[in-house]
Amino acid sequence: GNEIWILAAISVAGGVISMIGDLAASGIKRNYEIKDYGKLIPG
């Protein structure tokens, strides 16, 4: 049971990093004035 909460805490740390990754990718796109990196995945 304790390890389940450790997993949940790890996921929160991962969630914070995922937001940073999302914003970093947005920053690169804004620097180069593009909306998307590509069109490989429709939508």
PDB file of all heavy atoms in Angstrom:
ATOM      1  N   GLY A   1       0.814  -1.209   0.000  1.00  0.00           N
ATOM      2  CA  GLY A   1       0.000   0.000   0.000  1.00  0.00           C
ATOM      3  C   GLY A   1       0.847   1.259   0.000  1.00  0.00           C
ATOM      4  O   GLY A   1       0.534   2.239  -0.688  1.00  0.00           O
ATOM      5  N   ASN A   2       1.950   1.241   0.764  1.00  0.00           N
ATOM      6  CA  ASN A   2       2.841   2.406   0.793  1.00  0.00           C
ATOM      7  C   ASN A   2       3.471   2.666  -0.570  1.00  0.00           C
ATOM      8  O   ASN A   2       3.675   3.817  -0.969  1.00  0.00           O
ATOM      9  CB  ASN A   2       3.947   2.206   1.842  1.00  0.00           C
ATOM     10  CG  ASN A   2       3.410   2.326   3.263  1.00  0.00           C
ATOM     11  OD1 ASN A   2       2.398   2.992   3.498  1.00  0.00           O
ATOM     12  ND2 ASN A   2       4.081   1.676   4.206  1.00  0.00           N
ATOM     13  N   GLU A   3       3.798   1.585  -1.272  1.00  0.00           N
ATOM     14  CA  GLU A   3       4.430   1.732  -2.595  1.00  0.00           C
ATOM     15  C   GLU A   3       3.444   2.301  -3.614  1.00  0.00           C
ATOM     16  O   GLU A   3       3.859   2.950  -4.580  1.00  0.00           O
ATOM     17  CB  GLU A   3       4.988   0.387  -3.053  1.00  0.00           C
ATOM     18  CG  GLU A   3       6.247  -0.015  -2.300  1.00  0.00           C
ATOM     19  CD  GLU A   3       6.724  -1.409  -2.653  1.00  0.00           C
ATOM     20  OE1 GLU A   3       5.860  -2.281  -2.908  1.00  0.00           O
ATOM     21  OE2 GLU A   3       7.940  -1.631  -2.670  1.00  0.00           O
ATOM     22  N   ILE A   4       2.155   2.063  -3.406  1.00  0.00           N
ATOM     23  CA  ILE A   4       1.156   2.675  -4.295  1.00  0.00           C
ATOM     24  C   ILE A   4       1.220   4.190  -4.179  1.00  0.00           C
ATOM     25  O   ILE A   4       1.170   4.914  -5.179  1.00  0.00           O
ATOM     26  CB  ILE A   4      -0.259   2.160  -3.939  1.00  0.00           C
ATOM     27  CG1 ILE A   4      -0.402   0.683  -4.310  1.00  0.00           C
ATOM     28  CG2 ILE A   4      -1.325   2.999  -4.670  1.00  0.00           C
ATOM     29  CD1 ILE A   4      -1.719   0.076  -3.900  1.00  0.00           C
ATOM     30  N   TRP A   5       1.352   4.691  -2.953  1.00  0.00           N
ATOM     31  CA  TRP A   5       1.440   6.137  -2.759  1.00  0.00           C
ATOM     32  C   TRP A   5       2.759   6.689  -3.267  1.00  0.00           C
ATOM     33  O   TRP A   5       2.819   7.827  -3.742  1.00  0.00           O
ATOM     34  CB  TRP A   5       1.258   6.472  -1.273  1.00  0.00           C
ATOM     35  CG  TRP A   5      -0.086   6.061  -0.750  1.00  0.00           C
ATOM     36  CD1 TRP A   5      -0.348   5.163   0.224  1.00  0.00           C
ATOM     37  CD2 TRP A   5      -1.367   6.528  -1.215  1.00  0.00           C
ATOM     38  NE1 TRP A   5      -1.706   5.016   0.410  1.00  0.00           N
ATOM     39  CE2 TRP A   5      -2.358   5.852  -0.460  1.00  0.00           C
ATOM     40  CE3 TRP A   5      -1.770   7.440  -2.191  1.00  0.00           C
ATOM     41  CZ2 TRP A   5      -3.721   6.068  -0.645  1.00  0.00           C
ATOM     42  CZ3 TRP A   5      -3.138   7.656  -2.384  1.00  0.00           C
ATOM     43  CH2 TRP A   5      -4.088   6.979  -1.620  1.00  0.00           C
ATOM     44  N   ILE A   6       3.800   5.866  -3.211  1.00  0.00           N
ATOM     45  CA  ILE A   6       5.078   6.285  -3.793  1.00  0.00           C
ATOM     46  C   ILE A   6       4.936   6.427  -5.304  1.00  0.00           C
ATOM     47  O   ILE A   6       5.425   7.390  -5.913  1.00  0.00           O
ATOM     48  CB  ILE A   6       6.191   5.269  -3.448  1.00  0.00           C
ATOM     49  CG1 ILE A   6       6.498   5.318  -1.952  1.00  0.00           C
ATOM     50  CG2 ILE A   6       7.451   5.552  -4.262  1.00  0.00           C
ATOM     51  CD1 ILE A   6       7.492   4.265  -1.492  1.00  0.00           C
ATOM     52  N   LEU A   7       4.234   5.468  -5.926  1.00  0.00           N
ATOM     53  CA  LEU A   7       3.973   5.551  -7.373  1.00  0.00           C
ATOM     54  C   LEU A   7       3.192   6.816  -7.707  1.00  0.00           C
ATOM     55  O   LEU A   7       3.490   7.504  -8.689  1.00  0.00           O
ATOM     56  CB  LEU A   7       3.174   4.325  -7.838  1.00  0.00           C
ATOM     57  CG  LEU A   7       3.914   3.019  -8.039  1.00  0.00           C
ATOM     58  CD1 LEU A   7       2.940   1.937  -8.493  1.00  0.00           C
ATOM     59  CD2 LEU A   7       5.031   3.169  -9.056  1.00  0.00           C
ATOM     60  N   ALA A   8       2.189   7.122  -6.880  1.00  0.00           N
ATOM     61  CA  ALA A   8       1.376   8.318  -7.115  1.00  0.00           C
ATOM     62  C   ALA A   8       2.228   9.576  -7.003  1.00  0.00           C
ATOM     63  O   ALA A   8       2.078  10.517  -7.797  1.00  0.00           O
ATOM     64  CB  ALA A   8       0.215   8.363  -6.133  1.00  0.00           C
ATOM     65  N   ALA A   9       3.144   9.600  -6.026  1.00  0.00           N
ATOM     66  CA  ALA A   9       4.028  10.752  -5.861  1.00  0.00           C
ATOM     67  C   ALA A   9       4.983  10.876  -7.043  1.00  0.00           C
ATOM     68  O   ALA A   9       5.261  11.987  -7.528  1.00  0.00           O
ATOM     69  CB  ALA A   9       4.822  10.622  -4.561  1.00  0.00           C
ATOM     70  N   ILE A  10       5.481   9.733  -7.520  1.00  0.00           N
ATOM     71  CA  ILE A  10       6.346   9.740  -8.707  1.00  0.00           C
ATOM     72  C   ILE A  10       5.595  10.316  -9.905  1.00  0.00           C
ATOM     73  O   ILE A  10       6.138  11.095 -10.700  1.00  0.00           O
ATOM     74  CB  ILE A  10       6.841   8.308  -9.009  1.00  0.00           C
ATOM     75  CG1 ILE A  10       7.876   7.872  -7.969  1.00  0.00           C
ATOM     76  CG2 ILE A  10       7.433   8.219 -10.411  1.00  0.00           C
ATOM     77  CD1 ILE A  10       8.320   6.433  -8.107  1.00  0.00           C
ATOM     78  N   SER A  11       4.330   9.952 -10.028  1.00  0.00           N
ATOM     79  CA  SER A  11       3.524  10.441 -11.143  1.00  0.00           C
ATOM     80  C   SER A  11       3.310  11.952 -11.067  1.00  0.00           C
ATOM     81  O   SER A  11       3.264  12.639 -12.087  1.00  0.00           O
ATOM     82  CB  SER A  11       2.164   9.732 -11.169  1.00  0.00           C
ATOM     83  OG  SER A  11       2.311   8.397 -11.570  1.00  0.00           O
ATOM     84  N   VAL A  12       3.161  12.476  -9.864  1.00  0.00           N
ATOM     85  CA  VAL A  12       3.022  13.928  -9.715  1.00  0.00           C
ATOM     86  C   VAL A  12       4.291  14.625 -10.186  1.00  0.00           C
ATOM     87  O   VAL A  12       4.232  15.640 -10.901  1.00  0.00           O
ATOM     88  CB  VAL A  12       2.720  14.303  -8.253  1.00  0.00           C
ATOM     89  CG1 VAL A  12       2.802  15.822  -8.060  1.00  0.00           C
ATOM     90  CG2 VAL A  12       1.330  13.812  -7.854  1.00  0.00           C
ATOM     91  N   ALA A  13       5.450  14.086  -9.806  1.00  0.00           N
ATOM     92  CA  ALA A  13       6.724  14.640 -10.273  1.00  0.00           C
ATOM     93  C   ALA A  13       6.801  14.563 -11.797  1.00  0.00           C
ATOM     94  O   ALA A  13       7.212  15.523 -12.471  1.00  0.00           O
ATOM     95  CB  ALA A  13       7.895  13.883  -9.646  1.00  0.00           C
ATOM     96  N   GLY A  14       6.366  13.426 -12.345  1.00  0.00           N
ATOM     97  CA  GLY A  14       6.341  13.278 -13.799  1.00  0.00           C
ATOM     98  C   GLY A  14       5.370  14.250 -14.446  1.00  0.00           C
ATOM     99  O   GLY A  14       5.625  14.775 -15.532  1.00  0.00           O
ATOM    100  N   GLY A  15       4.237  14.517 -13.760  1.00  0.00           N
ATOM    101  CA  GLY A  15       3.262  15.466 -14.289  1.00  0.00           C
ATOM    102  C   GLY A  15       3.816  16.879 -14.382  1.00  0.00           C
ATOM    103  O   GLY A  15       3.566  17.603 -15.342  1.00  0.00           O
ATOM    104  N   VAL A  16       4.580  17.273 -13.367  1.00  0.00           N
ATOM    105  CA  VAL A  16       5.224  18.593 -13.390  1.00  0.00           C
ATOM    106  C   VAL A  16       6.178  18.693 -14.574  1.00  0.00           C
ATOM    107  O   VAL A  16       6.192  19.682 -15.316  1.00  0.00           O
ATOM    108  CB  VAL A  16       5.986  18.850 -12.067  1.00  0.00           C
ATOM    109  CG1 VAL A  16       6.804  20.136 -12.163  1.00  0.00           C
ATOM    110  CG2 VAL A  16       5.009  18.941 -10.904  1.00  0.00           C
ATOM    111  N   ILE A  17       6.974  17.644 -14.759  1.00  0.00           N
ATOM    112  CA  ILE A  17       7.934  17.630 -15.864  1.00  0.00           C
ATOM    113  C   ILE A  17       7.222  17.634 -17.209  1.00  0.00           C
ATOM    114  O   ILE A  17       7.674  18.265 -18.169  1.00  0.00           O
ATOM    115  CB  ILE A  17       8.854  16.397 -15.759  1.00  0.00           C
ATOM    116  CG1 ILE A  17       9.669  16.458 -14.465  1.00  0.00           C
ATOM    117  CG2 ILE A  17       9.779  16.306 -16.958  1.00  0.00           C
ATOM    118  CD1 ILE A  17      10.570  17.658 -14.347  1.00  0.00           C
ATOM    119  N   SER A  18       6.081  16.926 -17.286  1.00  0.00           N
ATOM    120  CA  SER A  18       5.345  16.881 -18.551  1.00  0.00           C
ATOM    121  C   SER A  18       4.850  18.269 -18.942  1.00  0.00           C
ATOM    122  O   SER A  18       4.832  18.631 -20.122  1.00  0.00           O
ATOM    123  CB  SER A  18       4.176  15.900 -18.465  1.00  0.00           C
ATOM    124  OG  SER A  18       3.093  16.441 -17.725  1.00  0.00           O
ATOM    125  N   MET A  19       4.445  19.060 -17.947  1.00  0.00           N
ATOM    126  CA  MET A  19       4.012  20.427 -18.225  1.00  0.00           C
ATOM    127  C   MET A  19       5.174  21.277 -18.725  1.00  0.00           C
ATOM    128  O   MET A  19       5.015  22.088 -19.653  1.00  0.00           O
ATOM    129  CB  MET A  19       3.420  21.053 -16.960  1.00  0.00           C
ATOM    130  CG  MET A  19       2.112  20.438 -16.520  1.00  0.00           C
ATOM    131  SD  MET A  19       1.463  21.254 -15.044  1.00  0.00           S
ATOM    132  CE  MET A  19       0.062  20.194 -14.664  1.00  0.00           C
ATOM    133  N   ILE A  20       6.333  21.089 -18.120  1.00  0.00           N
ATOM    134  CA  ILE A  20       7.523  21.811 -18.571  1.00  0.00           C
ATOM    135  C   ILE A  20       7.849  21.434 -20.018  1.00  0.00           C
ATOM    136  O   ILE A  20       8.175  22.287 -20.848  1.00  0.00           O
ATOM    137  CB  ILE A  20       8.721  21.511 -17.653  1.00  0.00           C
ATOM    138  CG1 ILE A  20       8.454  22.052 -16.257  1.00  0.00           C
ATOM    139  CG2 ILE A  20      10.013  22.108 -18.222  1.00  0.00           C
ATOM    140  CD1 ILE A  20       9.499  21.680 -15.236  1.00  0.00           C
ATOM    141  N   GLY A  21       7.754  20.142 -20.323  1.00  0.00           N
ATOM    142  CA  GLY A  21       8.019  19.682 -21.689  1.00  0.00           C
ATOM    143  C   GLY A  21       7.055  20.273 -22.685  1.00  0.00           C
ATOM    144  O   GLY A  21       7.452  20.692 -23.782  1.00  0.00           O
ATOM    145  N   ASP A  22       5.786  20.331 -22.306  1.00  0.00           N
ATOM    146  CA  ASP A  22       4.760  20.902 -23.171  1.00  0.00           C
ATOM    147  C   ASP A  22       5.032  22.384 -23.430  1.00  0.00           C
ATOM    148  O   ASP A  22       4.963  22.867 -24.558  1.00  0.00           O
ATOM    149  CB  ASP A  22       3.398  20.710 -22.520  1.00  0.00           C
ATOM    150  CG  ASP A  22       2.256  21.153 -23.422  1.00  0.00           C
ATOM    151  OD1 ASP A  22       2.380  21.022 -24.643  1.00  0.00           O
ATOM    152  OD2 ASP A  22       1.242  21.645 -22.904  1.00  0.00           O
ATOM    153  N   LEU A  23       5.361  23.122 -22.378  1.00  0.00           N
ATOM    154  CA  LEU A  23       5.633  24.554 -22.509  1.00  0.00           C
ATOM    155  C   LEU A  23       6.931  24.805 -23.266  1.00  0.00           C
ATOM    156  O   LEU A  23       7.037  25.771 -24.030  1.00  0.00           O
ATOM    157  CB  LEU A  23       5.689  25.206 -21.127  1.00  0.00           C
ATOM    158  CG  LEU A  23       4.351  25.288 -20.381  1.00  0.00           C
ATOM    159  CD1 LEU A  23       4.569  25.774 -18.951  1.00  0.00           C
ATOM    160  CD2 LEU A  23       3.385  26.231 -21.116  1.00  0.00           C
ATOM    161  N   ALA A  24       7.921  23.952 -23.069  1.00  0.00           N
ATOM    162  CA  ALA A  24       9.187  24.102 -23.790  1.00  0.00           C
ATOM    163  C   ALA A  24       8.972  23.938 -25.286  1.00  0.00           C
ATOM    164  O   ALA A  24       9.510  24.711 -26.102  1.00  0.00           O
ATOM    165  CB  ALA A  24      10.209  23.084 -23.288  1.00  0.00           C
ATOM    166  N   ALA A  25       8.173  22.931 -25.662  1.00  0.00           N
ATOM    167  CA  ALA A  25       7.865  22.722 -27.074  1.00  0.00           C
ATOM    168  C   ALA A  25       7.105  23.909 -27.646  1.00  0.00           C
ATOM    169  O   ALA A  25       7.336  24.332 -28.785  1.00  0.00           O
ATOM    170  CB  ALA A  25       7.057  21.435 -27.255  1.00  0.00           C
ATOM    171  N   SER A  26       6.191  24.470 -26.852  1.00  0.00           N
ATOM    172  CA  SER A  26       5.444  25.656 -27.279  1.00  0.00           C
ATOM    173  C   SER A  26       6.386  26.843 -27.470  1.00  0.00           C
ATOM    174  O   SER A  26       6.227  27.644 -28.391  1.00  0.00           O
ATOM    175  CB  SER A  26       4.365  26.012 -26.250  1.00  0.00           C
ATOM    176  OG  SER A  26       3.406  24.992 -26.142  1.00  0.00           O
ATOM    177  N   GLY A  27       7.380  26.954 -26.566  1.00  0.00           N
ATOM    178  CA  GLY A  27       8.341  28.041 -26.665  1.00  0.00           C
ATOM    179  C   GLY A  27       9.151  27.971 -27.944  1.00  0.00           C
ATOM    180  O   GLY A  27       9.378  28.997 -28.608  1.00  0.00           O
ATOM    181  N   ILE A  28       9.585  26.770 -28.319  1.00  0.00           N
ATOM    182  CA  ILE A  28      10.341  26.605 -29.562  1.00  0.00           C
ATOM    183  C   ILE A  28       9.483  26.996 -30.758  1.00  0.00           C
ATOM    184  O   ILE A  28       9.939  27.698 -31.675  1.00  0.00           O
ATOM    185  CB  ILE A  28      10.834  25.151 -29.707  1.00  0.00           C
ATOM    186  CG1 ILE A  28      11.846  24.824 -28.606  1.00  0.00           C
ATOM    187  CG2 ILE A  28      11.469  24.929 -31.080  1.00  0.00           C
ATOM    188  CD1 ILE A  28      12.264  23.370 -28.554  1.00  0.00           C
ATOM    189  N   LYS A  29       8.225  26.578 -30.745  1.00  0.00           N
ATOM    190  CA  LYS A  29       7.326  26.918 -31.859  1.00  0.00           C
ATOM    191  C   LYS A  29       7.105  28.424 -31.947  1.00  0.00           C
ATOM    192  O   LYS A  29       7.053  28.991 -33.048  1.00  0.00           O
ATOM    193  CB  LYS A  29       5.991  26.175 -31.705  1.00  0.00           C
ATOM    194  CG  LYS A  29       6.096  24.686 -31.985  1.00  0.00           C
ATOM    195  CD  LYS A  29       4.734  24.009 -32.055  1.00  0.00           C
ATOM    196  CE  LYS A  29       4.124  23.837 -30.693  1.00  0.00           C
ATOM    197  NZ  LYS A  29       2.874  23.022 -30.762  1.00  0.00           N
ATOM    198  N   ARG A  30       6.983  29.068 -30.810  1.00  0.00           N
ATOM    199  CA  ARG A  30       6.783  30.524 -30.824  1.00  0.00           C
ATOM    200  C   ARG A  30       8.045  31.242 -31.289  1.00  0.00           C
ATOM    201  O   ARG A  30       7.969  32.255 -31.986  1.00  0.00           O
ATOM    202  CB  ARG A  30       6.354  31.006 -29.440  1.00  0.00           C
ATOM    203  CG  ARG A  30       4.923  30.607 -29.087  1.00  0.00           C
ATOM    204  CD  ARG A  30       4.434  31.285 -27.822  1.00  0.00           C
ATOM    205  NE  ARG A  30       3.047  30.912 -27.541  1.00  0.00           N
ATOM    206  CZ  ARG A  30       2.001  31.484 -28.103  1.00  0.00           C
ATOM    207  NH1 ARG A  30       2.163  32.465 -28.977  1.00  0.00           N
ATOM    208  NH2 ARG A  30       0.771  31.086 -27.799  1.00  0.00           N
ATOM    209  N   ASN A  31       9.211  30.740 -30.890  1.00  0.00           N
ATOM    210  CA  ASN A  31      10.462  31.346 -31.340  1.00  0.00           C
ATOM    211  C   ASN A  31      10.574  31.346 -32.861  1.00  0.00           C
ATOM    212  O   ASN A  31      11.109  32.288 -33.454  1.00  0.00           O
ATOM    213  CB  ASN A  31      11.657  30.595 -30.748  1.00  0.00           C
ATOM    214  CG  ASN A  31      11.921  30.950 -29.301  1.00  0.00           C
ATOM    215  OD1 ASN A  31      12.584  30.207 -28.586  1.00  0.00           O
ATOM    216  ND2 ASN A  31      11.416  32.092 -28.825  1.00  0.00           N
ATOM    217  N   TYR A  32      10.058  30.277 -33.466  1.00  0.00           N
ATOM    218  CA  TYR A  32      10.177  30.134 -34.925  1.00  0.00           C
ATOM    219  C   TYR A  32       8.854  30.375 -35.649  1.00  0.00           C
ATOM    220  O   TYR A  32       8.740  30.102 -36.846  1.00  0.00           O
ATOM    221  CB  TYR A  32      10.757  28.753 -35.271  1.00  0.00           C
ATOM    222  CG  TYR A  32      12.206  28.643 -34.862  1.00  0.00           C
ATOM    223  CD1 TYR A  32      12.564  28.127 -33.618  1.00  0.00           C
ATOM    224  CD2 TYR A  32      13.219  29.098 -35.701  1.00  0.00           C
ATOM    225  CE1 TYR A  32      13.887  28.058 -33.223  1.00  0.00           C
ATOM    226  CE2 TYR A  32      14.549  29.026 -35.326  1.00  0.00           C
ATOM    227  CZ  TYR A  32      14.879  28.510 -34.083  1.00  0.00           C
ATOM    228  OH  TYR A  32      16.201  28.454 -33.705  1.00  0.00           O
ATOM    229  N   GLU A  33       7.872  30.876 -34.910  1.00  0.00           N
ATOM    230  CA  GLU A  33       6.588  31.322 -35.469  1.00  0.00           C
ATOM    231  C   GLU A  33       5.906  30.242 -36.311  1.00  0.00           C
ATOM    232  O   GLU A  33       5.525  30.461 -37.459  1.00  0.00           O
ATOM    233  CB  GLU A  33       6.792  32.594 -36.303  1.00  0.00           C
ATOM    234  CG  GLU A  33       7.340  33.756 -35.476  1.00  0.00           C
ATOM    235  CD  GLU A  33       7.538  35.018 -36.305  1.00  0.00           C
ATOM    236  OE1 GLU A  33       7.511  34.928 -37.556  1.00  0.00           O
ATOM    237  OE2 GLU A  33       7.726  36.099 -35.714  1.00  0.00           O
ATOM    238  N   ILE A  34       5.767  29.058 -35.713  1.00  0.00           N
ATOM    239  CA  ILE A  34       5.029  27.975 -36.366  1.00  0.00           C
ATOM    240  C   ILE A  34       3.928  27.510 -35.438  1.00  0.00           C
ATOM    241  O   ILE A  34       4.033  27.645 -34.215  1.00  0.00           O
ATOM    242  CB  ILE A  34       5.949  26.780 -36.729  1.00  0.00           C
ATOM    243  CG1 ILE A  34       6.611  26.213 -35.457  1.00  0.00           C
ATOM    244  CG2 ILE A  34       6.987  27.188 -37.752  1.00  0.00           C
ATOM    245  CD1 ILE A  34       7.379  24.930 -35.692  1.00  0.00           C
ATOM    246  N   LYS A  35       2.865  26.967 -36.011  1.00  0.00           N
ATOM    247  CA  LYS A  35       1.738  26.475 -35.204  1.00  0.00           C
ATOM    248  C   LYS A  35       1.971  25.039 -34.758  1.00  0.00           C
ATOM    249  O   LYS A  35       1.732  24.682 -33.616  1.00  0.00           O
ATOM    250  CB  LYS A  35       0.437  26.579 -36.008  1.00  0.00           C
ATOM    251  CG  LYS A  35      -0.807  26.176 -35.211  1.00  0.00           C
ATOM    252  CD  LYS A  35      -2.054  26.312 -36.064  1.00  0.00           C
ATOM    253  CE  LYS A  35      -3.321  25.986 -35.255  1.00  0.00           C
ATOM    254  NZ  LYS A  35      -3.329  24.591 -34.800  1.00  0.00           N
ATOM    255  N   ASP A  36       2.417  24.199 -35.695  1.00  0.00           N
ATOM    256  CA  ASP A  36       2.673  22.788 -35.403  1.00  0.00           C
ATOM    257  C   ASP A  36       4.016  22.391 -36.003  1.00  0.00           C
ATOM    258  O   ASP A  36       4.499  23.012 -36.952  1.00  0.00           O
ATOM    259  CB  ASP A  36       1.577  21.893 -35.994  1.00  0.00           C
ATOM    260  CG  ASP A  36       0.219  22.131 -35.332  1.00  0.00           C
ATOM    261  OD1 ASP A  36       0.177  22.216 -34.095  1.00  0.00           O
ATOM    262  OD2 ASP A  36      -0.781  22.236 -36.070  1.00  0.00           O
ATOM    263  N   TYR A  37       4.590  21.323 -35.463  1.00  0.00           N
ATOM    264  CA  TYR A  37       5.843  20.813 -35.997  1.00  0.00           C
ATOM    265  C   TYR A  37       5.641  20.067 -37.312  1.00  0.00           C
ATOM    266  O   TYR A  37       6.564  19.940 -38.112  1.00  0.00           O
ATOM    267  CB  TYR A  37       6.507  19.870 -34.989  1.00  0.00           C
ATOM    268  CG  TYR A  37       7.199  20.592 -33.852  1.00  0.00           C
ATOM    269  CD1 TYR A  37       6.610  20.671 -32.591  1.00  0.00           C
ATOM    270  CD2 TYR A  37       8.435  21.192 -34.034  1.00  0.00           C
ATOM    271  CE1 TYR A  37       7.241  21.320 -31.540  1.00  0.00           C
ATOM    272  CE2 TYR A  37       9.068  21.845 -32.984  1.00  0.00           C
ATOM    273  CZ  TYR A  37       8.467  21.914 -31.749  1.00  0.00           C
ATOM    274  OH  TYR A  37       9.093  22.566 -30.718  1.00  0.00           O
ATOM    275  N   GLY A  38       4.440  19.546 -37.518  1.00  0.00           N
ATOM    276  CA  GLY A  38       4.173  18.789 -38.731  1.00  0.00           C
ATOM    277  C   GLY A  38       2.692  18.493 -38.871  1.00  0.00           C
ATOM    278  O   GLY A  38       1.861  19.016 -38.121  1.00  0.00           O
ATOM    279  N   LYS A  39       2.366  17.646 -39.833  1.00  0.00           N
ATOM    280  CA  LYS A  39       0.971  17.280 -40.095  1.00  0.00           C
ATOM    281  C   LYS A  39       0.802  15.764 -40.165  1.00  0.00           C
ATOM    282  O   LYS A  39      -0.180  15.271 -40.724  1.00  0.00           O
ATOM    283  CB  LYS A  39       0.510  17.905 -41.415  1.00  0.00           C
ATOM    284  CG  LYS A  39       0.565  19.436 -41.421  1.00  0.00           C
ATOM    285  CD  LYS A  39       0.102  20.000 -42.759  1.00  0.00           C
ATOM    286  CE  LYS A  39       0.155  21.527 -42.753  1.00  0.00           C
ATOM    287  NZ  LYS A  39      -0.266  22.090 -44.069  1.00  0.00           N
ATOM    288  N   LEU A  40       1.745  15.041 -39.585  1.00  0.00           N
ATOM    289  CA  LEU A  40       1.730  13.584 -39.678  1.00  0.00           C
ATOM    290  C   LEU A  40       0.500  12.981 -39.017  1.00  0.00           C
ATOM    291  O   LEU A  40      -0.082  12.014 -39.516  1.00  0.00           O
ATOM    292  CB  LEU A  40       3.004  13.013 -39.048  1.00  0.00           C
ATOM    293  CG  LEU A  40       3.166  11.500 -39.090  1.00  0.00           C
ATOM    294  CD1 LEU A  40       3.275  11.019 -40.535  1.00  0.00           C
ATOM    295  CD2 LEU A  40       4.401  11.075 -38.295  1.00  0.00           C
ATOM    296  N   ILE A  41       0.084  13.545 -37.880  1.00  0.00           N
ATOM    297  CA  ILE A  41      -1.054  13.016 -37.129  1.00  0.00           C
ATOM    298  C   ILE A  41      -2.225  13.980 -37.298  1.00  0.00           C
ATOM    299  O   ILE A  41      -2.222  15.064 -36.709  1.00  0.00           O
ATOM    300  CB  ILE A  41      -0.711  12.864 -35.636  1.00  0.00           C
ATOM    301  CG1 ILE A  41       0.584  12.068 -35.468  1.00  0.00           C
ATOM    302  CG2 ILE A  41      -1.857  12.179 -34.891  1.00  0.00           C
ATOM    303  CD1 ILE A  41       1.103  12.036 -34.051  1.00  0.00           C
ATOM    304  N   PRO A  42      -3.213  13.636 -38.096  1.00  0.00           N
ATOM    305  CA  PRO A  42      -4.342  14.547 -38.368  1.00  0.00           C
ATOM    306  C   PRO A  42      -5.005  15.061 -37.088  1.00  0.00           C
ATOM    307  O   PRO A  42      -5.343  14.281 -36.202  1.00  0.00           O
ATOM    308  CB  PRO A  42      -5.307  13.666 -39.178  1.00  0.00           C
ATOM    309  CG  PRO A  42      -4.438  12.642 -39.824  1.00  0.00           C
ATOM    310  CD  PRO A  42      -3.363  12.348 -38.816  1.00  0.00           C
ATOM    311  N   GLY A  43      -5.150  16.362 -37.004  1.00  0.00           N
ATOM    312  CA  GLY A  43      -5.797  16.957 -35.845  1.00  0.00           C
ATOM    313  C   GLY A  43      -4.880  17.185 -34.659  1.00  0.00           C
ATOM    314  O   GLY A  43      -5.252  17.851 -33.695  1.00  0.00           O
TER     315      GLY A  43
END
